[in-house]
C-alpha atoms as a PDB file:
ATOM      1  CA  MET A   1     -32.499  71.948 -21.939  1.00  0.00           C
ATOM      2  CA  SER A   2     -36.197  71.651 -21.220  1.00  0.00           C
ATOM      3  CA  GLY A   3     -37.437  71.726 -17.666  1.00  0.00           C
ATOM      4  CA  ILE A   4     -37.764  67.936 -17.423  1.00  0.00           C
ATOM      5  CA  GLN A   5     -34.324  67.368 -18.915  1.00  0.00           C
ATOM      6  CA  ALA A   6     -32.755  69.886 -16.544  1.00  0.00           C
ATOM      7  CA  LEU A   7     -34.480  68.266 -13.564  1.00  0.00           C
ATOM      8  CA  THR A   8     -33.322  64.823 -14.662  1.00  0.00           C
ATOM      9  CA  PHE A   9     -29.748  66.049 -15.074  1.00  0.00           C
ATOM     10  CA  TRP A  10     -29.519  67.708 -11.668  1.00  0.00           C
ATOM     11  CA  LEU A  11     -31.204  64.835  -9.826  1.00  0.00           C
ATOM     12  CA  SER A  12     -29.701  61.789 -11.537  1.00  0.00           C
ATOM     13  CA  GLU A  13     -27.114  62.606 -14.208  1.00  0.00           C
ATOM     14  CA  HIS A  14     -24.875  65.189 -12.558  1.00  0.00           C
ATOM     15  CA  PRO A  15     -21.245  63.929 -12.359  1.00  0.00           C
ATOM     16  CA  THR A  16     -21.244  64.283  -8.588  1.00  0.00           C
ATOM     17  CA  ILE A  17     -24.247  61.966  -8.349  1.00  0.00           C
ATOM     18  CA  VAL A  18     -23.103  59.432 -10.932  1.00  0.00           C
ATOM     19  CA  GLY A  19     -19.572  59.281  -9.525  1.00  0.00           C
ATOM     20  CA  PHE A  20     -20.520  59.103  -5.845  1.00  0.00           C
ATOM     21  CA  ARG A  21     -18.750  56.534  -3.683  1.00  0.00           C
ATOM     22  CA  TRP A  22     -19.338  55.936   0.039  1.00  0.00           C
ATOM     23  CA  SER A  23     -15.951  56.253   1.697  1.00  0.00           C
ATOM     24  CA  HIS A  24     -14.816  56.657   5.305  1.00  0.00           C
ATOM     25  CA  THR A  25     -12.153  59.113   4.180  1.00  0.00           C
ATOM     26  CA  HIS A  26     -14.121  61.229   1.699  1.00  0.00           C
ATOM     27  CA  SER A  27     -17.758  61.125   2.880  1.00  0.00           C
ATOM     28  CA  TRP A  28     -18.579  63.406   5.792  1.00  0.00           C
ATOM     29  CA  GLY A  29     -20.110  61.574   8.753  1.00  0.00           C
ATOM     30  CA  SER A  30     -19.248  58.150   7.371  1.00  0.00           C
ATOM     31  CA  THR A  31     -17.396  56.675  10.366  1.00  0.00           C
ATOM     32  CA  TRP A  32     -18.811  54.629  13.223  1.00  0.00           C
ATOM     33  CA  SER A  33     -17.255  57.024  15.749  1.00  0.00           C
ATOM     34  CA  PHE A  34     -19.075  59.983  14.170  1.00  0.00           C
ATOM     35  CA  LEU A  35     -22.384  58.107  14.196  1.00  0.00           C
ATOM     36  CA  PHE A  36     -22.275  57.143  17.873  1.00  0.00           C
ATOM     37  CA  THR A  37     -20.855  60.512  18.956  1.00  0.00           C
ATOM     38  CA  ALA A  38     -23.595  62.392  17.107  1.00  0.00           C
ATOM     39  CA  ILE A  39     -26.350  60.279  18.663  1.00  0.00           C
ATOM     40  CA  ALA A  40     -24.810  60.609  22.126  1.00  0.00           C
ATOM     41  CA  VAL A  41     -24.609  64.402  21.730  1.00  0.00           C
ATOM     42  CA  TYR A  42     -28.228  64.510  20.528  1.00  0.00           C
ATOM     43  CA  ILE A  43     -29.527  62.547  23.525  1.00  0.00           C
ATOM     44  CA  THR A  44     -27.342  64.457  26.002  1.00  0.00           C
ATOM     45  CA  LEU A  45     -28.378  67.892  24.717  1.00  0.00           C
ATOM     46  CA  SER A  46     -32.040  66.870  24.798  1.00  0.00           C
ATOM     47  CA  LEU A  47     -31.776  65.736  28.420  1.00  0.00           C
ATOM     48  CA  LEU A  48     -29.817  68.824  29.461  1.00  0.00           C
ATOM     49  CA  LEU A  49     -32.307  71.170  27.788  1.00  0.00           C
ATOM     50  CA  HIS A  50     -35.202  69.411  29.459  1.00  0.00           C
ATOM     51  CA  LEU A  51     -33.563  69.587  32.896  1.00  0.00           C
ATOM     52  CA  PHE A  52     -32.543  73.219  32.370  1.00  0.00           C
ATOM     53  CA  LEU A  53     -36.117  74.246  31.582  1.00  0.00           C
ATOM     54  CA  LEU A  54     -37.408  72.365  34.601  1.00  0.00           C
ATOM     55  CA  ALA A  55     -34.962  74.250  36.819  1.00  0.00           C
ATOM     56  CA  VAL A  56     -35.338  77.716  35.285  1.00  0.00           C
ATOM     57  CA  ASN A  57     -38.879  77.928  33.939  1.00  0.00           C
ATOM     58  CA  ARG A  58     -40.958  76.541  36.792  1.00  0.00           C
ATOM     59  CA  SER A  59     -44.141  78.198  35.540  1.00  0.00           C
ATOM     60  CA  GLY A  60     -44.352  75.651  32.754  1.00  0.00           C
ATOM     61  CA  ARG A  61     -44.984  78.241  30.057  1.00  0.00           C
ATOM     62  CA  PRO A  62     -43.768  77.283  26.573  1.00  0.00           C
ATOM     63  CA  VAL A  63     -40.765  79.062  25.109  1.00  0.00           C
ATOM     64  CA  PRO A  64     -41.837  81.127  22.055  1.00  0.00           C
ATOM     65  CA  LEU A  65     -40.025  80.041  18.917  1.00  0.00           C
ATOM     66  CA  GLY A  66     -41.671  82.333  16.389  1.00  0.00           C
ATOM     67  CA  PRO A  67     -41.513  81.130  12.778  1.00  0.00           C
ATOM     68  CA  ILE A  68     -38.629  78.692  13.372  1.00  0.00           C
ATOM     69  CA  PRO A  69     -40.792  75.500  13.519  1.00  0.00           C
ATOM     70  CA  ALA A  70     -42.683  76.545  10.383  1.00  0.00           C
ATOM     71  CA  VAL A  71     -39.460  77.239   8.487  1.00  0.00           C
ATOM     72  CA  HIS A  72     -38.036  73.894   9.658  1.00  0.00           C
ATOM     73  CA  SER A  73     -41.153  72.023   8.524  1.00  0.00           C
ATOM     74  CA  LEU A  74     -41.083  73.693   5.115  1.00  0.00           C
ATOM     75  CA  ALA A  75     -37.378  72.939   4.696  1.00  0.00           C
ATOM     76  CA  MET A  76     -37.798  69.285   5.683  1.00  0.00           C
ATOM     77  CA  ALA A  77     -40.790  68.879   3.354  1.00  0.00           C
ATOM     78  CA  LEU A  78     -38.768  70.242   0.428  1.00  0.00           C
ATOM     79  CA  ILE A  79     -35.698  68.146   1.325  1.00  0.00           C
ATOM     80  CA  SER A  80     -37.798  64.992   1.641  1.00  0.00           C
ATOM     81  CA  PHE A  81     -39.534  65.554  -1.684  1.00  0.00           C
ATOM     82  CA  THR A  82     -36.199  66.288  -3.385  1.00  0.00           C
ATOM     83  CA  ILE A  83     -34.770  62.997  -2.069  1.00  0.00           C
ATOM     84  CA  PHE A  84     -37.915  61.175  -3.222  1.00  0.00           C
ATOM     85  CA  ALA A  85     -37.599  62.642  -6.713  1.00  0.00           C
ATOM     86  CA  GLY A  86     -33.850  61.983  -6.808  1.00  0.00           C
ATOM     87  CA  VAL A  87     -34.206  58.333  -5.787  1.00  0.00           C
ATOM     88  CA  THR A  88     -37.037  57.813  -8.300  1.00  0.00           C
ATOM     89  CA  LEU A  89     -35.089  59.247 -11.248  1.00  0.00           C
ATOM     90  CA  SER A  90     -31.821  57.599 -10.168  1.00  0.00           C
ATOM     91  CA  SER A  91     -33.468  54.195  -9.793  1.00  0.00           C
ATOM     92  CA  ALA A  92     -35.003  54.510 -13.250  1.00  0.00           C
ATOM     93  CA  ALA A  93     -31.583  55.380 -14.706  1.00  0.00           C
ATOM     94  CA  GLU A  94     -29.839  52.507 -12.916  1.00  0.00           C
ATOM     95  CA  ILE A  95     -32.482  50.020 -14.058  1.00  0.00           C
ATOM     96  CA  ARG A  96     -32.255  51.287 -17.626  1.00  0.00           C
ATOM     97  CA  GLU A  97     -28.453  50.961 -17.701  1.00  0.00           C
ATOM     98  CA  THR A  98     -28.079  47.588 -15.965  1.00  0.00           C
ATOM     99  CA  ARG A  99     -31.162  45.677 -17.021  1.00  0.00           C
ATOM    100  CA  TRP A 100     -29.462  44.162 -20.067  1.00  0.00           C
ATOM    101  CA  PHE A 101     -27.440  41.729 -17.934  1.00  0.00           C
ATOM    102  CA  TRP A 102     -30.205  40.760 -15.500  1.00  0.00           C
ATOM    103  CA  PRO A 103     -31.672  37.264 -15.526  1.00  0.00           C
ATOM    104  CA  ARG A 104     -34.815  37.124 -17.653  1.00  0.00           C
ATOM    105  CA  SER A 105     -36.976  36.355 -14.641  1.00  0.00           C
ATOM    106  CA  LYS A 106     -35.858  39.481 -12.713  1.00  0.00           C
ATOM    107  CA  THR A 107     -38.169  42.504 -12.633  1.00  0.00           C
ATOM    108  CA  PRO A 108     -37.429  46.165 -11.804  1.00  0.00           C
ATOM    109  CA  PHE A 109     -39.491  45.821  -8.620  1.00  0.00           C
ATOM    110  CA  GLN A 110     -37.231  42.989  -7.451  1.00  0.00           C
ATOM    111  CA  TRP A 111     -34.197  45.235  -8.035  1.00  0.00           C
ATOM    112  CA  LEU A 112     -35.804  47.930  -5.884  1.00  0.00           C
ATOM    113  CA  LEU A 113     -36.134  45.416  -3.051  1.00  0.00           C
ATOM    114  CA  CYS A 114     -33.005  43.327  -3.541  1.00  0.00           C
ATOM    115  CA  PHE A 115     -29.569  44.454  -4.690  1.00  0.00           C
ATOM    116  CA  PRO A 116     -27.487  41.762  -6.468  1.00  0.00           C
ATOM    117  CA  LEU A 117     -24.760  40.115  -4.422  1.00  0.00           C
ATOM    118  CA  GLY A 118     -21.511  42.074  -4.565  1.00  0.00           C
ATOM    119  CA  THR A 119     -23.157  45.508  -4.916  1.00  0.00           C
ATOM    120  CA  ARG A 120     -20.857  48.357  -3.832  1.00  0.00           C
ATOM    121  CA  PRO A 121     -22.083  51.605  -2.212  1.00  0.00           C
ATOM    122  CA  SER A 122     -21.485  53.825  -5.214  1.00  0.00           C
ATOM    123  CA  GLY A 123     -23.498  55.538  -7.896  1.00  0.00           C
ATOM    124  CA  ARG A 124     -26.753  57.449  -8.112  1.00  0.00           C
ATOM    125  CA  VAL A 125     -28.929  55.547  -5.666  1.00  0.00           C
ATOM    126  CA  PHE A 126     -26.288  55.539  -2.948  1.00  0.00           C
ATOM    127  CA  PHE A 127     -25.739  59.268  -3.392  1.00  0.00           C
ATOM    128  CA  TRP A 128     -29.361  59.883  -2.467  1.00  0.00           C
ATOM    129  CA  SER A 129     -29.117  57.317   0.309  1.00  0.00           C
ATOM    130  CA  TYR A 130     -26.213  59.391   1.662  1.00  0.00           C
ATOM    131  CA  VAL A 131     -28.287  62.583   1.393  1.00  0.00           C
ATOM    132  CA  TYR A 132     -31.088  60.806   3.260  1.00  0.00           C
ATOM    133  CA  TYR A 133     -28.627  59.777   5.985  1.00  0.00           C
ATOM    134  CA  LEU A 134     -27.460  63.388   6.372  1.00  0.00           C
ATOM    135  CA  SER A 135     -31.071  64.604   6.471  1.00  0.00           C
ATOM    136  CA  ARG A 136     -31.650  62.506   9.591  1.00  0.00           C
ATOM    137  CA  PHE A 137     -29.727  65.083  11.627  1.00  0.00           C
ATOM    138  CA  PRO A 138     -31.959  68.118  10.920  1.00  0.00           C
ATOM    139  CA  HIS A 139     -34.904  65.810  11.665  1.00  0.00           C
ATOM    140  CA  MET A 140     -33.583  65.686  15.243  1.00  0.00           C
ATOM    141  CA  LEU A 141     -34.311  69.395  15.727  1.00  0.00           C
ATOM    142  CA  ARG A 142     -37.958  68.433  16.093  1.00  0.00           C
ATOM    143  CA  THR A 143     -37.137  67.008  19.530  1.00  0.00           C
ATOM    144  CA  PHE A 144     -35.808  70.350  20.760  1.00  0.00           C
ATOM    145  CA  PHE A 145     -38.903  72.138  19.463  1.00  0.00           C
ATOM    146  CA  THR A 146     -41.071  69.713  21.442  1.00  0.00           C
ATOM    147  CA  ILE A 147     -39.075  70.302  24.618  1.00  0.00           C
ATOM    148  CA  LEU A 148     -39.172  74.092  24.271  1.00  0.00           C
ATOM    149  CA  ARG A 149     -42.816  74.430  23.270  1.00  0.00           C
ATOM    150  CA  ARG A 150     -44.476  71.592  25.158  1.00  0.00           C
ATOM    151  CA  ARG A 151     -42.046  71.270  28.063  1.00  0.00           C
ATOM    152  CA  ARG A 152     -41.930  67.533  27.528  1.00  0.00           C
ATOM    153  CA  LEU A 153     -39.179  65.084  26.695  1.00  0.00           C
ATOM    154  CA  VAL A 154     -40.785  62.324  24.637  1.00  0.00           C
ATOM    155  CA  PRO A 155     -38.671  59.137  24.907  1.00  0.00           C
ATOM    156  CA  PHE A 156     -40.191  57.776  21.705  1.00  0.00           C
ATOM    157  CA  GLN A 157     -38.802  60.753  19.760  1.00  0.00           C
ATOM    158  CA  LEU A 158     -35.297  60.216  21.108  1.00  0.00           C
ATOM    159  CA  PHE A 159     -35.427  56.509  20.411  1.00  0.00           C
ATOM    160  CA  ASN A 160     -37.006  56.837  16.970  1.00  0.00           C
ATOM    161  CA  HIS A 161     -34.591  59.470  15.636  1.00  0.00           C
ATOM    162  CA  SER A 162     -31.559  57.627  16.995  1.00  0.00           C
ATOM    163  CA  ILE A 163     -32.517  54.225  15.590  1.00  0.00           C
ATOM    164  CA  LEU A 164     -33.493  55.595  12.175  1.00  0.00           C
ATOM    165  CA  THR A 165     -30.131  57.343  11.922  1.00  0.00           C
ATOM    166  CA  VAL A 166     -28.334  54.069  12.685  1.00  0.00           C
ATOM    167  CA  ILE A 167     -30.448  52.237  10.099  1.00  0.00           C
ATOM    168  CA  SER A 168     -29.684  54.779   7.363  1.00  0.00           C
ATOM    169  CA  PHE A 169     -25.969  54.444   8.177  1.00  0.00           C
ATOM    170  CA  LEU A 170     -26.167  50.647   7.870  1.00  0.00           C
ATOM    171  CA  TRP A 171     -27.772  50.975   4.443  1.00  0.00           C
ATOM    172  CA  LEU A 172     -24.647  52.691   3.153  1.00  0.00           C
ATOM    173  CA  GLU A 173     -22.061  50.781   5.132  1.00  0.00           C
ATOM    174  CA  PHE A 174     -23.256  47.347   3.966  1.00  0.00           C
ATOM    175  CA  SER A 175     -24.873  48.223   0.589  1.00  0.00           C
ATOM    176  CA  GLN A 176     -28.034  46.874   2.120  1.00  0.00           C
ATOM    177  CA  SER A 177     -31.026  45.741   0.121  1.00  0.00           C
ATOM    178  CA  ILE A 178     -34.454  47.292   0.831  1.00  0.00           C
ATOM    179  CA  GLN A 179     -33.090  50.824   1.132  1.00  0.00           C
ATOM    180  CA  VAL A 180     -34.509  52.075  -2.180  1.00  0.00           C
ATOM    181  CA  MET A 181     -38.103  51.184  -1.313  1.00  0.00           C
ATOM    182  CA  ALA A 182     -37.615  52.282   2.290  1.00  0.00           C
ATOM    183  CA  ILE A 183     -36.321  55.708   1.252  1.00  0.00           C
ATOM    184  CA  LEU A 184     -39.120  56.153  -1.295  1.00  0.00           C
ATOM    185  CA  CYS A 185     -41.808  55.318   1.271  1.00  0.00           C
ATOM    186  CA  THR A 186     -40.222  57.359   4.061  1.00  0.00           C
ATOM    187  CA  THR A 187     -39.521  60.522   2.082  1.00  0.00           C
ATOM    188  CA  LEU A 188     -42.980  60.475   0.501  1.00  0.00           C
ATOM    189  CA  VAL A 189     -44.580  60.235   3.943  1.00  0.00           C
ATOM    190  CA  TYR A 190     -42.270  62.903   5.363  1.00  0.00           C
ATOM    191  CA  SER A 191     -43.194  65.254   2.508  1.00  0.00           C
ATOM    192  CA  VAL A 192     -46.839  64.953   3.530  1.00  0.00           C
ATOM    193  CA  VAL A 193     -46.177  65.134   7.288  1.00  0.00           C
ATOM    194  CA  TYR A 194     -43.894  68.167   7.203  1.00  0.00           C
ATOM    195  CA  GLY A 195     -46.061  69.855   4.592  1.00  0.00           C
ATOM    196  CA  TYR A 196     -49.022  69.420   6.932  1.00  0.00           C
ATOM    197  CA  ARG A 197     -47.002  70.730   9.867  1.00  0.00           C
ATOM    198  CA  PHE A 198     -46.058  73.809   7.868  1.00  0.00           C
ATOM    199  CA  TRP A 199     -49.697  74.238   6.875  1.00  0.00           C
ATOM    200  CA  THR A 200     -50.858  74.275  10.502  1.00  0.00           C
ATOM    201  CA  ALA A 201     -47.830  76.265  11.757  1.00  0.00           C
ATOM    202  CA  VAL A 202     -48.729  79.249   9.573  1.00  0.00           C
ATOM    203  CA  GLY A 203     -52.233  79.303  11.032  1.00  0.00           C
ATOM    204  CA  LEU A 204     -54.222  77.352   8.453  1.00  0.00           C
ATOM    205  CA  PRO A 205     -56.876  74.915   9.747  1.00  0.00           C
ATOM    206  CA  GLY A 206     -55.777  71.393  10.598  1.00  0.00           C
ATOM    207  CA  ALA A 207     -57.514  68.116   9.857  1.00  0.00           C
ATOM    208  CA  CYS A 208     -60.149  66.608  12.122  1.00  0.00           C
ATOM    209  CA  PHE A 209     -58.104  63.413  12.442  1.00  0.00           C
ATOM    210  CA  PRO A 210     -54.472  62.748  13.488  1.00  0.00           C
ATOM    211  CA  VAL A 211     -52.646  63.133  10.165  1.00  0.00           C
ATOM    212  CA  VAL A 212     -49.141  62.547  11.515  1.00  0.00           C
ATOM    213  CA  VAL A 213     -50.097  59.399  13.432  1.00  0.00           C
ATOM    214  CA  ASN A 214     -51.933  57.924  10.463  1.00  0.00           C
ATOM    215  CA  CYS A 215     -48.969  58.660   8.190  1.00  0.00           C
ATOM    216  CA  GLN A 216     -46.663  56.976  10.708  1.00  0.00           C
ATOM    217  CA  ILE A 217     -48.890  53.893  10.714  1.00  0.00           C
ATOM    218  CA  ALA A 218     -48.899  53.807   6.903  1.00  0.00           C
ATOM    219  CA  LEU A 219     -45.092  54.045   6.890  1.00  0.00           C
ATOM    220  CA  LEU A 220     -44.745  51.189   9.377  1.00  0.00           C
ATOM    221  CA  VAL A 221     -47.070  49.006   7.299  1.00  0.00           C
ATOM    222  CA  CYS A 222     -45.030  49.813   4.182  1.00  0.00           C
ATOM    223  CA  ASN A 223     -41.789  48.920   5.986  1.00  0.00           C
ATOM    224  CA  VAL A 224     -43.178  45.585   7.138  1.00  0.00           C
ATOM    225  CA  ALA A 225     -44.348  44.774   3.585  1.00  0.00           C
ATOM    226  CA  CYS A 226     -40.911  45.673   2.177  1.00  0.00           C
ATOM    227  CA  HIS A 227     -39.123  43.472   4.722  1.00  0.00           C
ATOM    228  CA  VAL A 228     -41.367  40.543   3.833  1.00  0.00           C
ATOM    229  CA  GLY A 229     -40.674  41.209   0.149  1.00  0.00           C
ATOM    230  CA  VAL A 230     -36.899  41.212   0.658  1.00  0.00           C
ATOM    231  CA  LEU A 231     -37.081  37.942   2.575  1.00  0.00           C
ATOM    232  CA  MET A 232     -39.092  36.285  -0.203  1.00  0.00           C
ATOM    233  CA  VAL A 233     -36.814  37.541  -2.990  1.00  0.00           C
ATOM    234  CA  HIS A 234     -33.704  36.514  -1.037  1.00  0.00           C
ATOM    235  CA  PHE A 235     -34.771  32.876  -0.765  1.00  0.00           C
ATOM    236  CA  MET A 236     -36.499  32.591  -4.143  1.00  0.00           C
ATOM    237  CA  LYS A 237     -34.060  34.475  -6.410  1.00  0.00           C
ATOM    238  CA  GLY A 238     -30.608  33.485  -5.162  1.00  0.00           C
ATOM    239  CA  GLY A 239     -29.771  36.002  -2.443  1.00  0.00           C
ATOM    240  CA  CYS A 240     -29.769  39.737  -1.726  1.00  0.00           C
ATOM    241  CA  ASN A 241     -26.781  41.900  -0.869  1.00  0.00           C
ATOM    242  CA  GLY A 242     -26.279  42.977   2.753  1.00  0.00           C
ATOM    243  CA  ILE A 243     -28.683  40.393   4.158  1.00  0.00           C
ATOM    244  CA  GLY A 244     -26.790  40.248   7.470  1.00  0.00           C
ATOM    245  CA  ALA A 245     -27.299  43.974   8.019  1.00  0.00           C
ATOM    246  CA  TRP A 246     -30.893  43.499   6.864  1.00  0.00           C
ATOM    247  CA  VAL A 247     -31.494  41.063   9.738  1.00  0.00           C
ATOM    248  CA  PHE A 248     -30.152  43.604  12.236  1.00  0.00           C
ATOM    249  CA  ASN A 249     -32.194  46.296  10.509  1.00  0.00           C
ATOM    250  CA  SER A 250     -35.314  44.157  10.867  1.00  0.00           C
ATOM    251  CA  VAL A 251     -34.706  43.800  14.600  1.00  0.00           C
ATOM    252  CA  LEU A 252     -34.355  47.582  14.973  1.00  0.00           C
ATOM    253  CA  ASN A 253     -37.514  48.162  12.942  1.00  0.00           C
ATOM    254  CA  GLY A 254     -39.337  45.634  15.107  1.00  0.00           C
ATOM    255  CA  VAL A 255     -38.278  47.511  18.226  1.00  0.00           C
ATOM    256  CA  ILE A 256     -39.482  50.788  16.677  1.00  0.00           C
ATOM    257  CA  LEU A 257     -42.810  49.130  15.829  1.00  0.00           C
ATOM    258  CA  LEU A 258     -43.295  47.934  19.413  1.00  0.00           C
ATOM    259  CA  ALA A 259     -42.299  51.337  20.817  1.00  0.00           C
ATOM    260  CA  PHE A 260     -44.717  53.088  18.468  1.00  0.00           C
ATOM    261  CA  LEU A 261     -47.582  50.745  19.341  1.00  0.00           C
ATOM    262  CA  ASN A 262     -46.962  51.376  23.033  1.00  0.00           C
ATOM    263  CA  PHE A 263     -46.818  55.129  22.405  1.00  0.00           C
ATOM    264  CA  TYR A 264     -49.903  55.068  20.173  1.00  0.00           C
ATOM    265  CA  VAL A 265     -52.040  53.104  22.628  1.00  0.00           C
ATOM    266  CA  ARG A 266     -51.055  55.407  25.496  1.00  0.00           C
ATOM    267  CA  ILE A 267     -51.764  58.606  23.533  1.00  0.00           C
ATOM    268  CA  HIS A 268     -54.855  57.124  21.855  1.00  0.00           C
ATOM    269  CA  LEU A 269     -56.461  56.266  25.184  1.00  0.00           C
ATOM    270  CA  GLY A 270     -55.613  59.716  26.525  1.00  0.00           C
ATOM    271  CA  PHE A 271     -57.151  61.286  23.421  1.00  0.00           C
ATOM    272  CA  PHE A 272     -60.473  59.530  23.882  1.00  0.00           C
ATOM    273  CA  ASN A 273     -60.546  60.412  27.576  1.00  0.00           C
ATOM    274  CA  LYS A 274     -60.049  64.079  26.693  1.00  0.00           C
ATOM    275  CA  LYS A 275     -62.628  63.820  23.920  1.00  0.00           C
ATOM    276  CA  GLY A 276     -65.193  62.380  26.311  1.00  0.00           C
ATOM    277  CA  LYS A 277     -64.549  65.106  28.876  1.00  0.00           C
ATOM    278  CA  ALA A 278     -64.805  67.758  26.180  1.00  0.00           C
ATOM    279  CA  ARG A 279     -68.190  66.449  25.078  1.00  0.00           C
ATOM    280  CA  GLY A 280     -69.385  66.291  28.641  1.00  0.00           C
ATOM    281  CA  ALA A 281     -68.317  69.856  29.365  1.00  0.00           C
ATOM    282  CA  SER A 282     -69.762  71.429  26.224  1.00  0.00           C
ATOM    283  CA  SER A 283     -71.895  70.511  23.224  1.00  0.00           C
ATOM    284  CA  GLY A 284     -71.931  71.472  19.551  1.00  0.00           C
ATOM    285  CA  ALA A 285     -69.029  73.494  18.196  1.00  0.00           C
ATOM    286  CA  GLY A 286     -67.382  73.859  21.601  1.00  0.00           C
ATOM    287  CA  GLY A 287     -67.022  70.110  22.042  1.00  0.00           C
ATOM    288  CA  ALA A 288     -65.789  69.695  18.478  1.00  0.00           C
ATOM    289  CA  ASP A 289     -63.164  72.398  18.988  1.00  0.00           C
ATOM    290  CA  ALA A 290     -61.899  70.717  22.143  1.00  0.00           C
ATOM    291  CA  ALA A 291     -61.697  67.371  20.368  1.00  0.00           C
ATOM    292  CA  ALA A 292     -59.834  68.972  17.460  1.00  0.00           C
ATOM    293  CA  LYS A 293     -57.323  70.450  19.882  1.00  0.00           C
ATOM    294  CA  SER A 294     -56.793  66.981  21.347  1.00  0.00           C
ATOM    295  CA  VAL A 295     -56.094  65.651  17.856  1.00  0.00           C
ATOM    296  CA  GLY A 296     -53.531  68.393  17.354  1.00  0.00           C
ATOM    297  CA  LEU A 297     -51.792  67.546  20.600  1.00  0.00           C
ATOM    298  CA  LYS A 298     -51.704  63.892  19.579  1.00  0.00           C
ATOM    299  CA  ASP A 299     -49.978  64.731  16.292  1.00  0.00           C
ATOM    300  CA  LYS A 300     -47.441  67.035  17.937  1.00  0.00           C
ATOM    301  CA  GLU A 301     -46.122  64.228  20.125  1.00  0.00           C
ATOM    302  CA  LEU A 302     -44.402  62.625  17.075  1.00  0.00           C
END
């Protein structure tokens, strides 16, 4: 097989992918008890680690982690891009195989936003949705890196990782519409974010603006647009599958949006205060370096 054919086979035509079925008995981590236990363990370990460092390391010095954060960022960038490629190829295959019985007015973009009523969590797209759900757990390691290196427990990180894990579980449990576009947007952004984090972790120069924050804003805007699109298709085209879970999902995403705006305003104001002090203390390259460091700190909070 050629390179493209081999890639297509392994990402969308492999029997494991085509024959996937979300099941509480056969899919690891697919039960409600596992979901809530995992999130509770994540929050508890984060709090305990934070309290332990406060009690033991009173000097406030960061704990050296060596190349671990860089390796984690590289791994997450590769995983995110693989999921993005897998969902893209799998969606194209599903559209190609099922389009013959769609209504004439239905477009592939509408399918990406809105699953037909009665859709079951099986097949190519749901396989990659399951992989995305599992990838939420290594994302949580970022919180521990923040605690160890910056000696801070960021509530937004705990809240964001926990809620996004619940949302990805709901996608599978209720065959929820919107998940294809949401996974495509999220994994594309994560590929850029973690690639940038790897870039800076190995000592290469960072950007002069907050890359991670801007990517997070772009992702939130994309999510809002997708939710509006699902709502329009649902009422104009006869209904979307999993709309009840979509409503709950929308509430959770709204809470994340409010939490992020609160976090962004607080950090943004602190950034400009530091930038003003840096310019007052030094001019030229010195002030620019101090401002760049403030940008880096702003990105590392997420």
